[in-house]
Amino acid sequence: MRHSVAISLPPELAERLDAFAEEEGTSRSEIVRDALRRYLALRQFEQVRAQVIPFAEAAGAFTDEDVFRTVS
């Protein structure tokens, strides 16, 4: 079941969205759905990362490179 959500956009953003949708041959809704999926995934990643940082630092991993070296 789909739900509709109304959002309001400033004119410039609406124009950019319309132009991009036309250029990509897709709908405004699909672009907004994709952007929301990406935003939510990024936020979830950031939350998980914040939870694991203390454990990583305790294990001596302070940078992404440290983590990659450990798991590779």
PDB file of N, CA and C in Angstrom:
ATOM      1  N   MET A   1       0.839  -1.170   0.000  1.00  0.00           N
ATOM      2  CA  MET A   1       0.000   0.000   0.000  1.00  0.00           C
ATOM      3  C   MET A   1       0.893   1.246   0.000  1.00  0.00           C
ATOM      4  N   ARG A   2       0.623   2.134  -0.887  1.00  0.00           N
ATOM      5  CA  ARG A   2       1.404   3.367  -0.980  1.00  0.00           C
ATOM      6  C   ARG A   2       0.720   4.474  -0.205  1.00  0.00           C
ATOM      7  N   HIS A   3       1.534   5.370   0.307  1.00  0.00           N
ATOM      8  CA  HIS A   3       1.047   6.555   1.012  1.00  0.00           C
ATOM      9  C   HIS A   3       1.554   7.777   0.265  1.00  0.00           C
ATOM     10  N   SER A   4       0.726   8.768   0.178  1.00  0.00           N
ATOM     11  CA  SER A   4       1.141  10.025  -0.437  1.00  0.00           C
ATOM     12  C   SER A   4       1.600  10.994   0.642  1.00  0.00           C
ATOM     13  N   VAL A   5       2.639  11.743   0.317  1.00  0.00           N
ATOM     14  CA  VAL A   5       3.163  12.758   1.216  1.00  0.00           C
ATOM     15  C   VAL A   5       3.305  14.035   0.397  1.00  0.00           C
ATOM     16  N   ALA A   6       2.737  15.091   0.880  1.00  0.00           N
ATOM     17  CA  ALA A   6       2.869  16.378   0.184  1.00  0.00           C
ATOM     18  C   ALA A   6       4.034  17.146   0.794  1.00  0.00           C
ATOM     19  N   ILE A   7       4.880  17.686  -0.066  1.00  0.00           N
ATOM     20  CA  ILE A   7       5.983  18.522   0.408  1.00  0.00           C
ATOM     21  C   ILE A   7       5.940  19.835  -0.355  1.00  0.00           C
ATOM     22  N   SER A   8       6.497  20.849   0.241  1.00  0.00           N
ATOM     23  CA  SER A   8       6.574  22.117  -0.467  1.00  0.00           C
ATOM     24  C   SER A   8       8.035  22.406  -0.750  1.00  0.00           C
ATOM     25  N   LEU A   9       8.302  22.858  -1.955  1.00  0.00           N
ATOM     26  CA  LEU A   9       9.672  23.140  -2.387  1.00  0.00           C
ATOM     27  C   LEU A   9       9.782  24.595  -2.818  1.00  0.00           C
ATOM     28  N   PRO A  10      10.924  25.197  -2.563  1.00  0.00           N
ATOM     29  CA  PRO A  10      11.150  26.529  -3.124  1.00  0.00           C
ATOM     30  C   PRO A  10      11.152  26.420  -4.658  1.00  0.00           C
ATOM     31  N   PRO A  11      10.741  27.467  -5.341  1.00  0.00           N
ATOM     32  CA  PRO A  11      10.647  27.409  -6.811  1.00  0.00           C
ATOM     33  C   PRO A  11      11.919  26.908  -7.498  1.00  0.00           C
ATOM     34  N   GLU A  12      13.087  27.366  -7.048  1.00  0.00           N
ATOM     35  CA  GLU A  12      14.328  26.949  -7.702  1.00  0.00           C
ATOM     36  C   GLU A  12      14.548  25.442  -7.576  1.00  0.00           C
ATOM     37  N   LEU A  13      14.271  24.898  -6.405  1.00  0.00           N
ATOM     38  CA  LEU A  13      14.449  23.458  -6.201  1.00  0.00           C
ATOM     39  C   LEU A  13      13.435  22.668  -7.017  1.00  0.00           C
ATOM     40  N   ALA A  14      12.215  23.150  -7.089  1.00  0.00           N
ATOM     41  CA  ALA A  14      11.184  22.480  -7.898  1.00  0.00           C
ATOM     42  C   ALA A  14      11.585  22.475  -9.370  1.00  0.00           C
ATOM     43  N   GLU A  15      12.129  23.597  -9.847  1.00  0.00           N
ATOM     44  CA  GLU A  15      12.571  23.671 -11.241  1.00  0.00           C
ATOM     45  C   GLU A  15      13.721  22.715 -11.503  1.00  0.00           C
ATOM     46  N   ARG A  16      14.652  22.631 -10.571  1.00  0.00           N
ATOM     47  CA  ARG A  16      15.781  21.701 -10.730  1.00  0.00           C
ATOM     48  C   ARG A  16      15.299  20.261 -10.733  1.00  0.00           C
ATOM     49  N   LEU A  17      14.352  19.949  -9.858  1.00  0.00           N
ATOM     50  CA  LEU A  17      13.781  18.599  -9.792  1.00  0.00           C
ATOM     51  C   LEU A  17      13.096  18.255 -11.107  1.00  0.00           C
ATOM     52  N   ASP A  18      12.277  19.171 -11.621  1.00  0.00           N
ATOM     53  CA  ASP A  18      11.582  18.919 -12.883  1.00  0.00           C
ATOM     54  C   ASP A  18      12.567  18.723 -14.034  1.00  0.00           C
ATOM     55  N   ALA A  19      13.597  19.557 -14.084  1.00  0.00           N
ATOM     56  CA  ALA A  19      14.589  19.445 -15.158  1.00  0.00           C
ATOM     57  C   ALA A  19      15.319  18.109 -15.072  1.00  0.00           C
ATOM     58  N   PHE A  20      15.687  17.708 -13.859  1.00  0.00           N
ATOM     59  CA  PHE A  20      16.407  16.448 -13.694  1.00  0.00           C
ATOM     60  C   PHE A  20      15.511  15.264 -14.051  1.00  0.00           C
ATOM     61  N   ALA A  21      14.249  15.321 -13.635  1.00  0.00           N
ATOM     62  CA  ALA A  21      13.314  14.238 -13.951  1.00  0.00           C
ATOM     63  C   ALA A  21      13.163  14.092 -15.465  1.00  0.00           C
ATOM     64  N   GLU A  22      13.045  15.199 -16.151  1.00  0.00           N
ATOM     65  CA  GLU A  22      12.918  15.149 -17.603  1.00  0.00           C
ATOM     66  C   GLU A  22      14.191  14.600 -18.243  1.00  0.00           C
ATOM     67  N   GLU A  23      15.330  15.078 -17.756  1.00  0.00           N
ATOM     68  CA  GLU A  23      16.626  14.629 -18.281  1.00  0.00           C
ATOM     69  C   GLU A  23      16.817  13.130 -18.080  1.00  0.00           C
ATOM     70  N   GLU A  24      16.406  12.624 -16.922  1.00  0.00           N
ATOM     71  CA  GLU A  24      16.590  11.210 -16.594  1.00  0.00           C
ATOM     72  C   GLU A  24      15.452  10.335 -17.134  1.00  0.00           C
ATOM     73  N   GLY A  25      14.378  10.957 -17.591  1.00  0.00           N
ATOM     74  CA  GLY A  25      13.239  10.184 -18.100  1.00  0.00           C
ATOM     75  C   GLY A  25      12.509   9.449 -16.994  1.00  0.00           C
ATOM     76  N   THR A  26      12.423  10.084 -15.837  1.00  0.00           N
ATOM     77  CA  THR A  26      11.755   9.469 -14.700  1.00  0.00           C
ATOM     78  C   THR A  26      10.819  10.490 -14.057  1.00  0.00           C
ATOM     79  N   SER A  27      10.152  10.089 -13.015  1.00  0.00           N
ATOM     80  CA  SER A  27       9.203  10.993 -12.370  1.00  0.00           C
ATOM     81  C   SER A  27       9.846  11.722 -11.194  1.00  0.00           C
ATOM     82  N   ARG A  28       9.235  12.834 -10.844  1.00  0.00           N
ATOM     83  CA  ARG A  28       9.681  13.550  -9.654  1.00  0.00           C
ATOM     84  C   ARG A  28       9.561  12.644  -8.436  1.00  0.00           C
ATOM     85  N   SER A  29       8.470  11.891  -8.373  1.00  0.00           N
ATOM     86  CA  SER A  29       8.251  11.006  -7.224  1.00  0.00           C
ATOM     87  C   SER A  29       9.369   9.985  -7.079  1.00  0.00           C
ATOM     88  N   GLU A  30       9.802   9.407  -8.183  1.00  0.00           N
ATOM     89  CA  GLU A  30      10.869   8.402  -8.111  1.00  0.00           C
ATOM     90  C   GLU A  30      12.172   9.020  -7.630  1.00  0.00           C
ATOM     91  N   ILE A  31      12.465  10.226  -8.090  1.00  0.00           N
ATOM     92  CA  ILE A  31      13.688  10.906  -7.644  1.00  0.00           C
ATOM     93  C   ILE A  31      13.612  11.187  -6.151  1.00  0.00           C
ATOM     94  N   VAL A  32      12.481  11.665  -5.680  1.00  0.00           N
ATOM     95  CA  VAL A  32      12.322  11.972  -4.259  1.00  0.00           C
ATOM     96  C   VAL A  32      12.376  10.688  -3.433  1.00  0.00           C
ATOM     97  N   ARG A  33      11.745   9.604  -3.910  1.00  0.00           N
ATOM     98  CA  ARG A  33      11.815   8.320  -3.197  1.00  0.00           C
ATOM     99  C   ARG A  33      13.257   7.845  -3.078  1.00  0.00           C
ATOM    100  N   ASP A  34      14.004   7.930  -4.186  1.00  0.00           N
ATOM    101  CA  ASP A  34      15.402   7.500  -4.175  1.00  0.00           C
ATOM    102  C   ASP A  34      16.227   8.363  -3.217  1.00  0.00           C
ATOM    103  N   ALA A  35      16.004   9.664  -3.256  1.00  0.00           N
ATOM    104  CA  ALA A  35      16.741  10.569  -2.361  1.00  0.00           C
ATOM    105  C   ALA A  35      16.420  10.260  -0.906  1.00  0.00           C
ATOM    106  N   LEU A  36      15.173   9.977  -0.609  1.00  0.00           N
ATOM    107  CA  LEU A  36      14.784   9.661   0.767  1.00  0.00           C
ATOM    108  C   LEU A  36      15.391   8.337   1.215  1.00  0.00           C
ATOM    109  N   ARG A  37      15.391   7.340   0.339  1.00  0.00           N
ATOM    110  CA  ARG A  37      16.032   6.053   0.673  1.00  0.00           C
ATOM    111  C   ARG A  37      17.502   6.262   1.017  1.00  0.00           C
ATOM    112  N   ARG A  38      18.189   7.029   0.192  1.00  0.00           N
ATOM    113  CA  ARG A  38      19.612   7.284   0.417  1.00  0.00           C
ATOM    114  C   ARG A  38      19.832   8.056   1.712  1.00  0.00           C
ATOM    115  N   TYR A  39      19.012   9.053   1.961  1.00  0.00           N
ATOM    116  CA  TYR A  39      19.132   9.854   3.173  1.00  0.00           C
ATOM    117  C   TYR A  39      18.928   8.991   4.412  1.00  0.00           C
ATOM    118  N   LEU A  40      17.891   8.160   4.395  1.00  0.00           N
ATOM    119  CA  LEU A  40      17.614   7.306   5.552  1.00  0.00           C
ATOM    120  C   LEU A  40      18.720   6.275   5.764  1.00  0.00           C
ATOM    121  N   ALA A  41      19.252   5.715   4.684  1.00  0.00           N
ATOM    122  CA  ALA A  41      20.351   4.754   4.802  1.00  0.00           C
ATOM    123  C   ALA A  41      21.597   5.435   5.381  1.00  0.00           C
ATOM    124  N   LEU A  42      21.886   6.640   4.922  1.00  0.00           N
ATOM    125  CA  LEU A  42      23.034   7.376   5.441  1.00  0.00           C
ATOM    126  C   LEU A  42      22.859   7.686   6.922  1.00  0.00           C
ATOM    127  N   ARG A  43      21.685   8.126   7.317  1.00  0.00           N
ATOM    128  CA  ARG A  43      21.426   8.421   8.730  1.00  0.00           C
ATOM    129  C   ARG A  43      21.578   7.164   9.583  1.00  0.00           C
ATOM    130  N   GLN A  44      21.068   6.028   9.089  1.00  0.00           N
ATOM    131  CA  GLN A  44      21.194   4.774   9.831  1.00  0.00           C
ATOM    132  C   GLN A  44      22.672   4.397   9.970  1.00  0.00           C
ATOM    133  N   PHE A  45      23.435   4.539   8.894  1.00  0.00           N
ATOM    134  CA  PHE A  45      24.866   4.260   8.936  1.00  0.00           C
ATOM    135  C   PHE A  45      25.553   5.142   9.970  1.00  0.00           C
ATOM    136  N   GLU A  46      25.221   6.434   9.964  1.00  0.00           N
ATOM    137  CA  GLU A  46      25.838   7.358  10.915  1.00  0.00           C
ATOM    138  C   GLU A  46      25.507   6.983  12.363  1.00  0.00           C
ATOM    139  N   GLN A  47      24.277   6.539  12.599  1.00  0.00           N
ATOM    140  CA  GLN A  47      23.887   6.134  13.953  1.00  0.00           C
ATOM    141  C   GLN A  47      24.649   4.889  14.400  1.00  0.00           C
ATOM    142  N   VAL A  48      24.755   3.912  13.518  1.00  0.00           N
ATOM    143  CA  VAL A  48      25.487   2.683  13.852  1.00  0.00           C
ATOM    144  C   VAL A  48      26.960   3.010  14.060  1.00  0.00           C
ATOM    145  N   ARG A  49      27.494   3.848  13.191  1.00  0.00           N
ATOM    146  CA  ARG A  49      28.907   4.212  13.310  1.00  0.00           C
ATOM    147  C   ARG A  49      29.183   4.891  14.648  1.00  0.00           C
ATOM    148  N   ALA A  50      28.286   5.770  15.074  1.00  0.00           N
ATOM    149  CA  ALA A  50      28.460   6.456  16.361  1.00  0.00           C
ATOM    150  C   ALA A  50      28.453   5.462  17.519  1.00  0.00           C
ATOM    151  N   GLN A  51      27.681   4.395  17.375  1.00  0.00           N
ATOM    152  CA  GLN A  51      27.621   3.386  18.434  1.00  0.00           C
ATOM    153  C   GLN A  51      28.889   2.548  18.506  1.00  0.00           C
ATOM    154  N   VAL A  52      29.521   2.313  17.351  1.00  0.00           N
ATOM    155  CA  VAL A  52      30.703   1.438  17.345  1.00  0.00           C
ATOM    156  C   VAL A  52      32.024   2.164  17.528  1.00  0.00           C
ATOM    157  N   ILE A  53      32.012   3.465  17.379  1.00  0.00           N
ATOM    158  CA  ILE A  53      33.267   4.223  17.492  1.00  0.00           C
ATOM    159  C   ILE A  53      33.985   3.962  18.815  1.00  0.00           C
ATOM    160  N   PRO A  54      33.319   3.963  19.961  1.00  0.00           N
ATOM    161  CA  PRO A  54      34.061   3.693  21.198  1.00  0.00           C
ATOM    162  C   PRO A  54      34.745   2.322  21.196  1.00  0.00           C
ATOM    163  N   PHE A  55      34.106   1.320  20.621  1.00  0.00           N
ATOM    164  CA  PHE A  55      34.695  -0.020  20.564  1.00  0.00           C
ATOM    165  C   PHE A  55      35.883  -0.047  19.604  1.00  0.00           C
ATOM    166  N   ALA A  56      35.746   0.645  18.481  1.00  0.00           N
ATOM    167  CA  ALA A  56      36.840   0.702  17.506  1.00  0.00           C
ATOM    168  C   ALA A  56      38.045   1.416  18.097  1.00  0.00           C
ATOM    169  N   GLU A  57      37.789   2.531  18.768  1.00  0.00           N
ATOM    170  CA  GLU A  57      38.906   3.270  19.368  1.00  0.00           C
ATOM    171  C   GLU A  57      39.584   2.454  20.461  1.00  0.00           C
ATOM    172  N   ALA A  58      38.802   1.706  21.230  1.00  0.00           N
ATOM    173  CA  ALA A  58      39.382   0.852  22.271  1.00  0.00           C
ATOM    174  C   ALA A  58      40.266  -0.229  21.662  1.00  0.00           C
ATOM    175  N   ALA A  59      39.955  -0.628  20.416  1.00  0.00           N
ATOM    176  CA  ALA A  59      40.752  -1.637  19.727  1.00  0.00           C
ATOM    177  C   ALA A  59      41.888  -1.015  18.923  1.00  0.00           C
ATOM    178  N   GLY A  60      42.030   0.317  19.010  1.00  0.00           N
ATOM    179  CA  GLY A  60      43.125   0.987  18.318  1.00  0.00           C
ATOM    180  C   GLY A  60      42.803   1.438  16.911  1.00  0.00           C
ATOM    181  N   ALA A  61      41.536   1.415  16.526  1.00  0.00           N
ATOM    182  CA  ALA A  61      41.137   1.866  15.188  1.00  0.00           C
ATOM    183  C   ALA A  61      40.582   3.279  15.303  1.00  0.00           C
ATOM    184  N   PHE A  62      41.324   4.241  14.764  1.00  0.00           N
ATOM    185  CA  PHE A  62      40.919   5.642  14.861  1.00  0.00           C
ATOM    186  C   PHE A  62      40.517   6.235  13.519  1.00  0.00           C
ATOM    187  N   THR A  63      40.894   5.586  12.439  1.00  0.00           N
ATOM    188  CA  THR A  63      40.560   6.093  11.104  1.00  0.00           C
ATOM    189  C   THR A  63      39.897   4.979  10.303  1.00  0.00           C
ATOM    190  N   ASP A  64      39.281   5.364   9.172  1.00  0.00           N
ATOM    191  CA  ASP A  64      38.705   4.354   8.279  1.00  0.00           C
ATOM    192  C   ASP A  64      39.782   3.405   7.780  1.00  0.00           C
ATOM    193  N   GLU A  65      40.975   3.945   7.549  1.00  0.00           N
ATOM    194  CA  GLU A  65      42.075   3.105   7.072  1.00  0.00           C
ATOM    195  C   GLU A  65      42.434   2.045   8.109  1.00  0.00           C
ATOM    196  N   ASP A  66      42.409   2.416   9.391  1.00  0.00           N
ATOM    197  CA  ASP A  66      42.666   1.442  10.469  1.00  0.00           C
ATOM    198  C   ASP A  66      41.657   0.307  10.420  1.00  0.00           C
ATOM    199  N   VAL A  67      40.403   0.666  10.218  1.00  0.00           N
ATOM    200  CA  VAL A  67      39.338  -0.350  10.171  1.00  0.00           C
ATOM    201  C   VAL A  67      39.535  -1.235   8.958  1.00  0.00           C
ATOM    202  N   PHE A  68      39.791  -0.648   7.780  1.00  0.00           N
ATOM    203  CA  PHE A  68      39.992  -1.441   6.576  1.00  0.00           C
ATOM    204  C   PHE A  68      41.172  -2.379   6.706  1.00  0.00           C
ATOM    205  N   ARG A  69      42.244  -1.900   7.340  1.00  0.00           N
ATOM    206  CA  ARG A  69      43.425  -2.742   7.554  1.00  0.00           C
ATOM    207  C   ARG A  69      43.064  -3.927   8.453  1.00  0.00           C
ATOM    208  N   THR A  70      42.253  -3.698   9.467  1.00  0.00           N
ATOM    209  CA  THR A  70      41.880  -4.753  10.395  1.00  0.00           C
ATOM    210  C   THR A  70      40.991  -5.810   9.747  1.00  0.00           C
ATOM    211  N   VAL A  71      40.042  -5.372   8.933  1.00  0.00           N
ATOM    212  CA  VAL A  71      39.087  -6.333   8.369  1.00  0.00           C
ATOM    213  C   VAL A  71      39.560  -6.928   7.046  1.00  0.00           C
ATOM    214  N   SER A  72      40.623  -6.408   6.460  1.00  0.00           N
ATOM    215  CA  SER A  72      41.092  -6.935   5.185  1.00  0.00           C
ATOM    216  C   SER A  72      41.971  -8.134   5.369  1.00  0.00           C
TER     217      SER A  72
END
